[in-house]
Amino acid sequence: MARSASACQISLPAVSEYHRRRHHAVTTSFAYRPLRRIDKQVFCGDILQSRLYGSQQSDANEYADLFDAEMTRLQEIHAPLRTGRRHCSGQHDTYVLSDEAVEAKRHCRRAERRYRRTGLPSTSGRSKRRAKHRGPSS
């Protein structure tokens, strides 16, 4: 007796929803400065020759603005802003379960904890699921 694939149907909503709602890997963009590649002696020389050491600013806010502008300018010279892309393809980063699947997993975990706590087979999540899939006992 040959069995066809359509004769045996198993309905597992948590698994089917998992495969149906699976997302593909995401690519994210980010900006960075390669600060470790800066030649420190040349950078220090440029700081000493900058407007920071010849400035006659008496107001702290104005000097802070000048410091910010000069440091940004020197960073652009010695470590220009670069952009990169990262492909996030971790095992746990790429899937999202449906609300029904999350609820089913939560219910199963609660039943298993209850079974471990009481030790009664009637509280086992597995035995309840088996009984549900078997149908009424004859």
Protein backbone atom coordinates (compact mmCIF):
# COMPACT_ATOMS: atom_id res chain seq x y z
CA MET A 1 0.00 0.00 0.00
CA ALA A 2 1.61 3.23 -1.16
CA ARG A 3 1.16 6.41 0.84
CA SER A 4 1.04 9.77 -0.78
CA ALA A 5 2.27 12.95 0.80
CA SER A 6 -1.22 14.44 0.72
CA ALA A 7 -2.68 11.54 2.74
CA CYS A 8 -0.64 12.47 5.79
CA GLN A 9 -1.30 16.00 6.93
CA ILE A 10 0.09 17.31 10.18
CA SER A 11 -1.03 20.70 11.33
CA LEU A 12 1.57 22.49 13.43
CA PRO A 13 0.60 26.17 13.41
CA ALA A 14 3.65 27.29 15.37
CA VAL A 15 6.07 25.71 12.89
CA SER A 16 4.17 26.72 9.76
CA GLU A 17 3.81 30.31 10.96
CA TYR A 18 7.52 30.37 11.76
CA HIS A 19 8.46 29.45 8.21
CA ARG A 20 5.84 31.71 6.68
CA ARG A 21 6.90 34.82 8.60
CA ARG A 22 10.67 34.31 8.48
CA HIS A 23 12.56 37.45 7.53
CA HIS A 24 15.72 37.64 5.51
CA ALA A 25 18.96 39.08 6.81
CA VAL A 26 19.16 42.84 7.18
CA THR A 27 21.94 45.10 5.97
CA THR A 28 22.65 48.12 8.16
CA SER A 29 24.78 51.14 7.35
CA PHE A 30 27.00 52.92 9.85
CA ALA A 31 29.51 55.78 9.91
CA TYR A 32 32.89 55.69 11.64
CA ARG A 33 36.26 57.39 11.82
CA PRO A 34 39.44 55.24 11.66
CA LEU A 35 40.94 56.89 14.76
CA ARG A 36 43.56 54.18 15.32
CA ARG A 37 45.22 55.03 12.01
CA ILE A 38 45.93 58.65 12.95
CA ASP A 39 49.61 59.60 13.08
CA LYS A 40 49.65 61.02 16.60
CA GLN A 41 52.74 63.18 16.19
CA VAL A 42 51.41 64.89 13.06
CA PHE A 43 47.99 65.31 14.72
CA CYS A 44 49.58 66.94 17.79
CA GLY A 45 51.60 69.25 15.55
CA ASP A 46 48.44 70.32 13.74
CA ILE A 47 46.73 71.01 17.07
CA LEU A 48 49.64 73.22 18.15
CA GLN A 49 49.43 75.15 14.86
CA SER A 50 45.64 75.52 14.97
CA ARG A 51 43.65 78.58 16.00
CA LEU A 52 43.21 77.11 19.49
CA TYR A 53 46.66 78.31 20.63
CA GLY A 54 46.51 81.78 19.11
CA SER A 55 42.98 82.61 20.17
CA GLN A 56 42.21 85.51 22.51
CA GLN A 57 38.71 84.24 23.41
CA SER A 58 37.61 85.37 26.86
CA ASP A 59 34.16 83.77 26.79
CA ALA A 60 34.09 80.06 27.65
CA ASN A 61 31.17 79.34 25.28
CA GLU A 62 32.93 80.95 22.33
CA TYR A 63 36.14 79.03 23.09
CA ALA A 64 34.14 75.78 23.37
CA ASP A 65 32.60 76.47 19.94
CA LEU A 66 36.07 77.23 18.51
CA PHE A 67 37.45 74.02 20.08
CA ASP A 68 34.60 71.97 18.63
CA ALA A 69 35.05 73.47 15.15
CA GLU A 70 38.85 73.00 15.16
CA MET A 71 38.71 69.42 16.40
CA THR A 72 36.08 68.55 13.78
CA ARG A 73 38.25 70.14 11.08
CA LEU A 74 41.34 68.21 12.22
CA GLN A 75 39.39 64.97 12.41
CA GLU A 76 38.21 65.48 8.84
CA ILE A 77 41.83 65.89 7.76
CA HIS A 78 43.38 63.00 9.72
CA ALA A 79 40.46 60.57 10.04
CA PRO A 80 37.75 61.36 7.49
CA LEU A 81 34.28 59.99 8.13
CA ARG A 82 33.73 56.66 6.40
CA THR A 83 30.63 54.62 5.92
CA GLY A 84 30.32 50.89 6.10
CA ARG A 85 27.64 48.25 5.75
CA ARG A 86 27.12 45.23 7.94
CA HIS A 87 25.16 42.17 6.96
CA CYS A 88 23.31 40.94 10.07
CA SER A 89 22.76 37.24 9.52
CA GLY A 90 22.85 35.80 13.00
CA GLN A 91 20.78 32.71 13.69
CA HIS A 92 18.46 34.48 16.10
CA ASP A 93 18.29 37.80 14.26
CA THR A 94 16.33 36.65 11.25
CA TYR A 95 13.06 35.19 12.46
CA VAL A 96 9.86 36.50 13.98
CA LEU A 97 7.19 34.22 15.34
CA SER A 98 3.52 34.99 14.93
CA ASP A 99 1.46 35.99 17.93
CA GLU A 100 -0.23 32.57 17.94
CA ALA A 101 3.12 30.77 17.91
CA VAL A 102 4.46 32.93 20.75
CA GLU A 103 1.32 32.21 22.78
CA ALA A 104 1.63 28.47 22.09
CA LYS A 105 5.26 28.45 23.22
CA ARG A 106 4.38 30.42 26.35
CA HIS A 107 1.56 27.99 27.19
CA CYS A 108 3.86 25.01 26.66
CA ARG A 109 6.59 26.45 28.89
CA ARG A 110 4.06 27.17 31.66
CA ALA A 111 2.71 23.62 31.46
CA GLU A 112 6.22 22.15 31.56
CA ARG A 113 7.12 24.26 34.61
CA ARG A 114 3.91 23.17 36.32
CA TYR A 115 4.74 19.53 35.54
CA ARG A 116 8.24 19.87 37.01
CA ARG A 117 6.82 21.52 40.11
CA THR A 118 3.97 19.04 40.78
CA GLY A 119 5.20 15.88 39.05
CA LEU A 120 1.67 14.98 38.00
CA PRO A 121 1.43 13.57 34.48
CA SER A 122 -1.94 15.29 33.98
CA THR A 123 -0.20 18.68 34.09
CA SER A 124 2.38 17.74 31.48
CA GLY A 125 2.18 19.95 28.42
CA ARG A 126 3.31 17.08 26.22
CA SER A 127 0.62 14.69 27.41
CA LYS A 128 -2.05 17.33 26.82
CA ARG A 129 -0.75 17.98 23.32
CA ARG A 130 -0.63 14.26 22.55
CA ALA A 131 -4.16 13.79 23.77
CA LYS A 132 -5.35 16.74 21.68
CA HIS A 133 -3.71 15.40 18.50
CA ARG A 134 -4.95 11.82 19.06
CA GLY A 135 -8.56 12.89 19.31
CA PRO A 136 -11.17 11.28 21.59
CA SER A 137 -10.10 8.00 23.15
CA SER A 138 -11.98 4.93 22.12
